[in-house]
Amino acid sequence: MRKIRTYIEEVVSELFEKVSWPTWSELQNSSFVVLIASTIVSLLVWLMDFTFGINPGVWKGVLGFIYNLIS
């Protein structure tokens, strides 16, 4: 039990004394960067999904459409 208590005390001490927490402005800037990056990645995934057509019964994608035009 003593080891557990020592561990918890050290964790609390480290969180309050050694960790450097971001300021509100830094937190807002970082959140904005994450929001923009997430939006870009989701748009890229949507574009690949639209292009290659994941659900062949409904939409075969742009490549499937071109293939149907050719054949």
Protein backbone atom coordinates (compact mmCIF):
# COMPACT_ATOMS: atom_id res chain seq x y z
CA MET A 1 0.00 0.00 0.00
CA ARG A 2 2.89 2.33 0.74
CA LYS A 3 4.26 2.01 -2.80
CA ILE A 4 0.90 2.94 -4.29
CA ARG A 5 0.64 6.02 -2.08
CA THR A 6 4.19 7.07 -2.95
CA TYR A 7 3.43 6.60 -6.64
CA ILE A 8 0.29 8.76 -6.46
CA GLU A 9 2.11 11.49 -4.53
CA GLU A 10 4.89 11.55 -7.13
CA VAL A 11 2.40 11.74 -9.99
CA VAL A 12 0.55 14.66 -8.38
CA SER A 13 3.85 16.40 -7.63
CA GLU A 14 5.00 16.02 -11.22
CA LEU A 15 1.70 17.28 -12.66
CA PHE A 16 1.67 20.42 -10.53
CA GLU A 17 5.38 21.25 -10.30
CA LYS A 18 7.20 19.88 -13.36
CA VAL A 19 4.70 19.97 -16.21
CA SER A 20 4.53 23.20 -18.19
CA TRP A 21 0.91 23.76 -19.16
CA PRO A 22 0.11 25.86 -22.24
CA THR A 23 -1.39 29.28 -21.93
CA TRP A 24 -4.96 29.90 -23.14
CA SER A 25 -3.64 31.57 -26.29
CA GLU A 26 -1.28 28.66 -27.08
CA LEU A 27 -4.12 26.22 -26.51
CA GLN A 28 -6.40 28.12 -28.90
CA ASN A 29 -3.70 28.27 -31.58
CA SER A 30 -2.95 24.56 -31.27
CA SER A 31 -6.66 23.72 -31.42
CA PHE A 32 -7.05 25.79 -34.57
CA VAL A 33 -4.12 23.99 -36.22
CA VAL A 34 -5.64 20.60 -35.32
CA LEU A 35 -9.04 21.70 -36.68
CA ILE A 36 -7.54 22.80 -40.01
CA ALA A 37 -5.40 19.65 -40.34
CA SER A 38 -8.37 17.41 -39.53
CA THR A 39 -10.50 19.19 -42.12
CA ILE A 40 -7.84 18.79 -44.80
CA VAL A 41 -7.35 15.09 -44.05
CA SER A 42 -11.10 14.43 -44.03
CA LEU A 43 -11.47 16.20 -47.39
CA LEU A 44 -8.65 14.10 -48.84
CA VAL A 45 -10.29 10.90 -47.59
CA TRP A 46 -13.64 12.00 -49.03
CA LEU A 47 -11.99 12.81 -52.37
CA MET A 48 -10.35 9.36 -52.52
CA ASP A 49 -13.65 7.71 -51.56
CA PHE A 50 -15.48 9.67 -54.26
CA THR A 51 -12.80 8.94 -56.86
CA PHE A 52 -12.41 5.21 -56.26
CA GLY A 53 -16.01 4.44 -55.27
CA ILE A 54 -16.13 2.34 -52.11
CA ASN A 55 -19.75 1.20 -52.55
CA PRO A 56 -19.85 -0.43 -56.01
CA GLY A 57 -23.64 -0.96 -56.00
CA VAL A 58 -24.42 2.73 -55.79
CA TRP A 59 -21.42 4.63 -57.12
CA LYS A 60 -18.40 3.07 -58.76
CA GLY A 61 -16.40 6.25 -58.46
CA VAL A 62 -14.95 8.50 -61.10
CA LEU A 63 -12.61 5.72 -62.23
CA GLY A 64 -15.56 3.30 -62.58
CA PHE A 65 -17.48 5.94 -64.55
CA ILE A 66 -14.53 6.44 -66.92
CA TYR A 67 -14.11 2.68 -67.26
CA ASN A 68 -17.80 2.36 -68.21
CA LEU A 69 -17.39 5.09 -70.83
CA ILE A 70 -14.38 3.34 -72.36
CA SER A 71 -15.87 -0.18 -72.45
